[in-house]
Amino acid sequence: MAVMSRIEQAFCRSVLWRTLSRRLVVPWIIQDHALYGEVLELGTGSGAMAKELLERYPIRTLVATDVDPLMVIAAERRLASHVPHVQVRRADATSLPFEDGQFDAVVSFLMLHHVLDWEQALRESLRVLRPGGLLLGYDLTNTIPARIVHRLDGSPHRLATPDEMRATLESTGMQDISVSPGLAGLVMRFVVSNAHTTAKNDDIS
């Protein structure tokens, strides 16, 4: 599993990213879904999204994971005030060190394109999800701007299209799946649910 480039690491630590997370990203991703109980975050980065989730929702324990040791350290510092409701761990999204059905929700914010085998990361996310749980997240789509940016910064990546994302999720046997575009197609929001809730397909463009 790849780590972020230095440019992306700096952005994850920035005030701009924290502001975007709070005002735009979290409301668009979560919408009317409820986050509670045990929640797993894949690719927490500096912990900005994790902090926002802990302050908004009645989460009993948030396990924030990242494969990059520098990001783990940054997240531990940012989330220190939320102990014991948060654990920060180094983990590979394609081989999660958790039991089947351990979490009420799994969230992923703008990180799957850093996972060369993102299909396996999705399968692992669903493996550790409890019956009735939610997989929520968003990621870049395979567009020309995204390809140019990642070619310039040199970070390992593998972008997906919404159709590829949906096909992978459908191949797991899950039925309640939503994959919807945002920002004029530059990003996509995905929701997989076993619960009796209906995800919105709103576009933030």
Protein backbone atom coordinates (compact mmCIF):
# COMPACT_ATOMS: atom_id res chain seq x y z
CA MET A 1 0.00 0.00 0.00
CA ALA A 2 1.44 3.37 -1.04
CA VAL A 3 2.04 6.39 1.17
CA MET A 4 1.27 10.00 0.32
CA SER A 5 3.72 12.35 -1.34
CA ARG A 6 5.24 15.20 0.68
CA ILE A 7 2.86 17.65 -1.02
CA GLU A 8 -0.16 15.62 0.06
CA GLN A 9 1.21 15.18 3.59
CA ALA A 10 1.56 18.94 3.91
CA PHE A 11 -1.96 19.52 2.60
CA CYS A 12 -3.39 17.03 5.11
CA ARG A 13 -1.84 19.05 7.93
CA SER A 14 -3.08 22.40 6.61
CA VAL A 15 -5.73 24.74 8.00
CA LEU A 16 -7.39 24.69 4.58
CA TRP A 17 -7.97 20.92 4.76
CA ARG A 18 -9.35 21.17 8.29
CA THR A 19 -11.76 23.89 7.18
CA LEU A 20 -12.88 21.97 4.10
CA SER A 21 -13.35 18.84 6.19
CA ARG A 22 -15.58 20.61 8.69
CA ARG A 23 -17.70 22.73 6.37
CA LEU A 24 -18.02 20.68 3.20
CA VAL A 25 -16.62 17.17 3.11
CA VAL A 26 -18.09 15.58 6.24
CA PRO A 27 -21.65 16.90 5.67
CA TRP A 28 -21.62 15.74 2.05
CA ILE A 29 -20.29 12.27 2.81
CA ILE A 30 -22.33 11.46 5.91
CA GLN A 31 -25.56 13.28 4.98
CA ASP A 32 -28.47 11.72 6.91
CA HIS A 33 -26.65 8.59 8.02
CA ALA A 34 -25.86 8.00 11.67
CA LEU A 35 -22.37 7.21 12.93
CA TYR A 36 -22.20 5.55 16.31
CA GLY A 37 -20.59 2.67 18.18
CA GLU A 38 -17.32 1.35 16.76
CA VAL A 39 -16.06 3.19 13.68
CA LEU A 40 -12.98 2.46 11.54
CA GLU A 41 -11.32 5.11 9.40
CA LEU A 42 -9.02 4.04 6.57
CA GLY A 43 -6.15 6.38 5.76
CA THR A 44 -6.70 8.94 8.51
CA GLY A 45 -3.80 11.13 7.38
CA SER A 46 -3.26 13.85 9.98
CA GLY A 47 -6.53 12.98 11.74
CA ALA A 48 -8.50 16.04 10.58
CA MET A 49 -11.53 14.02 9.46
CA ALA A 50 -11.38 11.79 12.51
CA LYS A 51 -11.45 14.80 14.82
CA GLU A 52 -14.48 16.20 13.01
CA LEU A 53 -16.33 12.88 13.24
CA LEU A 54 -15.63 12.56 16.96
CA GLU A 55 -16.97 16.06 17.59
CA ARG A 56 -20.13 15.57 15.51
CA TYR A 57 -21.35 12.04 16.19
CA PRO A 58 -21.94 9.73 19.20
CA ILE A 59 -19.03 7.45 18.36
CA ARG A 60 -17.97 5.18 21.20
CA THR A 61 -14.58 4.31 19.69
CA LEU A 62 -12.97 5.53 16.46
CA VAL A 63 -10.03 3.48 15.23
CA ALA A 64 -8.04 5.76 12.91
CA THR A 65 -5.58 3.90 10.71
CA ASP A 66 -2.89 4.85 8.22
CA VAL A 67 -0.03 2.98 6.59
CA ASP A 68 2.27 6.03 6.68
CA PRO A 69 4.14 6.22 10.02
CA LEU A 70 4.50 10.01 9.74
CA MET A 71 0.74 10.40 9.38
CA VAL A 72 0.16 8.08 12.35
CA ILE A 73 2.32 10.34 14.50
CA ALA A 74 0.53 13.46 13.25
CA ALA A 75 -2.89 11.90 13.92
CA GLU A 76 -1.89 10.80 17.41
CA ARG A 77 -0.97 14.39 18.24
CA ARG A 78 -4.14 15.89 16.78
CA LEU A 79 -6.45 13.36 18.42
CA ALA A 80 -4.76 13.17 21.83
CA SER A 81 -7.56 15.14 23.49
CA HIS A 82 -10.12 12.52 22.38
CA VAL A 83 -8.52 9.56 24.16
CA PRO A 84 -10.00 7.07 25.20
CA HIS A 85 -12.60 7.42 22.42
CA VAL A 86 -9.97 7.14 19.69
CA GLN A 87 -7.18 4.72 18.83
CA VAL A 88 -4.59 5.51 16.16
CA ARG A 89 -2.96 2.50 14.54
CA ARG A 90 -0.70 1.79 11.62
CA ALA A 91 -2.49 -0.59 9.26
CA ASP A 92 -2.60 -1.60 5.60
CA ALA A 93 -6.11 -1.19 4.17
CA THR A 94 -5.63 -4.29 2.01
CA SER A 95 -4.93 -6.50 5.04
CA LEU A 96 -6.73 -5.06 8.04
CA PRO A 97 -5.70 -6.46 11.45
CA PHE A 98 -9.29 -6.67 12.70
CA GLU A 99 -11.86 -9.40 13.19
CA ASP A 100 -14.78 -10.05 10.86
CA GLY A 101 -17.78 -7.90 11.70
CA GLN A 102 -15.96 -5.74 14.24
CA PHE A 103 -17.21 -2.26 13.23
CA ASP A 104 -20.54 -0.46 12.95
CA ALA A 105 -19.13 1.78 10.21
CA VAL A 106 -16.05 2.06 8.01
CA VAL A 107 -15.17 5.43 6.49
CA SER A 108 -12.66 6.38 3.82
CA PHE A 109 -11.93 9.95 2.79
CA LEU A 110 -9.89 10.62 -0.35
CA MET A 111 -7.44 7.75 0.18
CA LEU A 112 -8.42 4.74 -1.92
CA HIS A 113 -6.60 6.05 -5.00
CA HIS A 114 -3.37 5.65 -3.01
CA VAL A 115 -4.07 1.91 -2.69
CA LEU A 116 -2.92 0.13 -5.83
CA ASP A 117 -5.25 -2.78 -5.02
CA TRP A 118 -8.19 -0.64 -3.93
CA GLU A 119 -10.58 -3.49 -4.75
CA GLN A 120 -9.01 -5.54 -1.96
CA ALA A 121 -9.26 -2.57 0.40
CA LEU A 122 -13.00 -2.41 -0.27
CA ARG A 123 -13.38 -6.14 0.32
CA GLU A 124 -11.48 -5.83 3.59
CA SER A 125 -13.68 -2.90 4.63
CA LEU A 126 -16.81 -4.96 4.10
CA ARG A 127 -15.28 -7.96 5.88
CA VAL A 128 -14.82 -6.03 9.12
CA LEU A 129 -18.28 -4.43 8.88
CA ARG A 130 -21.09 -5.70 11.10
CA PRO A 131 -24.49 -6.69 9.70
CA GLY A 132 -26.47 -3.47 9.56
CA GLY A 133 -23.31 -1.39 9.27
CA LEU A 134 -22.25 1.28 6.78
CA LEU A 135 -19.30 1.79 4.47
CA LEU A 136 -19.08 5.50 3.63
CA GLY A 137 -16.50 7.45 1.71
CA TYR A 138 -15.38 9.44 -1.29
CA ASP A 139 -12.43 9.48 -3.62
CA LEU A 140 -11.01 11.05 -6.75
CA THR A 141 -12.27 9.73 -10.05
CA ASN A 142 -10.12 8.75 -12.99
CA THR A 143 -10.10 12.10 -14.79
CA ILE A 144 -7.47 14.06 -16.67
CA PRO A 145 -6.94 16.61 -13.84
CA ALA A 146 -6.45 13.85 -11.27
CA ARG A 147 -3.98 12.01 -13.51
CA ILE A 148 -1.98 15.19 -14.15
CA VAL A 149 -1.76 16.13 -10.46
CA HIS A 150 -0.55 12.69 -9.41
CA ARG A 151 1.90 12.45 -12.26
CA LEU A 152 3.41 15.76 -11.16
CA ASP A 153 3.69 14.91 -7.46
CA GLY A 154 5.03 11.43 -8.20
CA SER A 155 2.95 9.59 -5.62
CA PRO A 156 1.94 5.98 -6.36
CA HIS A 157 -1.75 5.84 -7.22
CA ARG A 158 -4.43 3.97 -9.12
CA LEU A 159 -7.56 5.93 -9.93
CA ALA A 160 -10.99 4.38 -10.49
CA THR A 161 -14.10 5.36 -12.39
CA PRO A 162 -17.55 5.34 -10.75
CA ASP A 163 -18.50 2.33 -12.89
CA GLU A 164 -15.42 0.42 -11.73
CA MET A 165 -16.17 1.30 -8.12
CA ARG A 166 -19.78 0.17 -8.42
CA ALA A 167 -18.83 -3.07 -10.19
CA THR A 168 -16.33 -3.93 -7.46
CA LEU A 169 -18.86 -3.27 -4.71
CA GLU A 170 -21.54 -5.28 -6.51
CA SER A 171 -19.11 -8.20 -6.88
CA THR A 172 -19.03 -8.53 -3.08
CA GLY A 173 -22.70 -9.50 -3.07
CA MET A 174 -23.85 -6.32 -1.33
CA GLN A 175 -27.21 -5.01 -2.51
CA ASP A 176 -27.68 -1.50 -1.09
CA ILE A 177 -25.00 0.42 -3.00
CA SER A 178 -24.77 4.07 -4.02
CA VAL A 179 -21.97 5.60 -6.10
CA SER A 180 -22.60 9.23 -7.00
CA PRO A 181 -20.45 11.99 -8.56
CA GLY A 182 -19.56 15.38 -7.14
CA LEU A 183 -17.56 18.48 -8.09
CA ALA A 184 -18.40 18.13 -11.77
CA GLY A 185 -17.32 14.49 -11.77
CA LEU A 186 -13.91 15.02 -10.17
CA VAL A 187 -14.84 12.99 -7.09
CA MET A 188 -17.33 10.26 -6.24
CA ARG A 189 -19.19 9.43 -3.05
CA PHE A 190 -19.86 5.78 -2.23
CA VAL A 191 -22.18 4.22 0.34
CA VAL A 192 -22.74 0.54 1.06
CA SER A 193 -25.37 -0.34 3.62
CA ASN A 194 -26.95 -3.40 5.16
CA ALA A 195 -29.29 -1.19 7.16
CA HIS A 196 -32.77 -0.02 6.24
CA THR A 197 -31.61 3.43 5.15
CA THR A 198 -31.47 5.05 1.76
CA ALA A 199 -28.41 6.98 0.69
CA LYS A 200 -28.87 10.25 -1.15
CA ASN A 201 -27.28 10.71 -4.56
CA ASP A 202 -26.84 14.47 -4.26
CA ASP A 203 -24.15 16.13 -6.35
CA ILE A 204 -22.14 18.89 -4.68
CA SER A 205 -21.27 20.47 -8.04
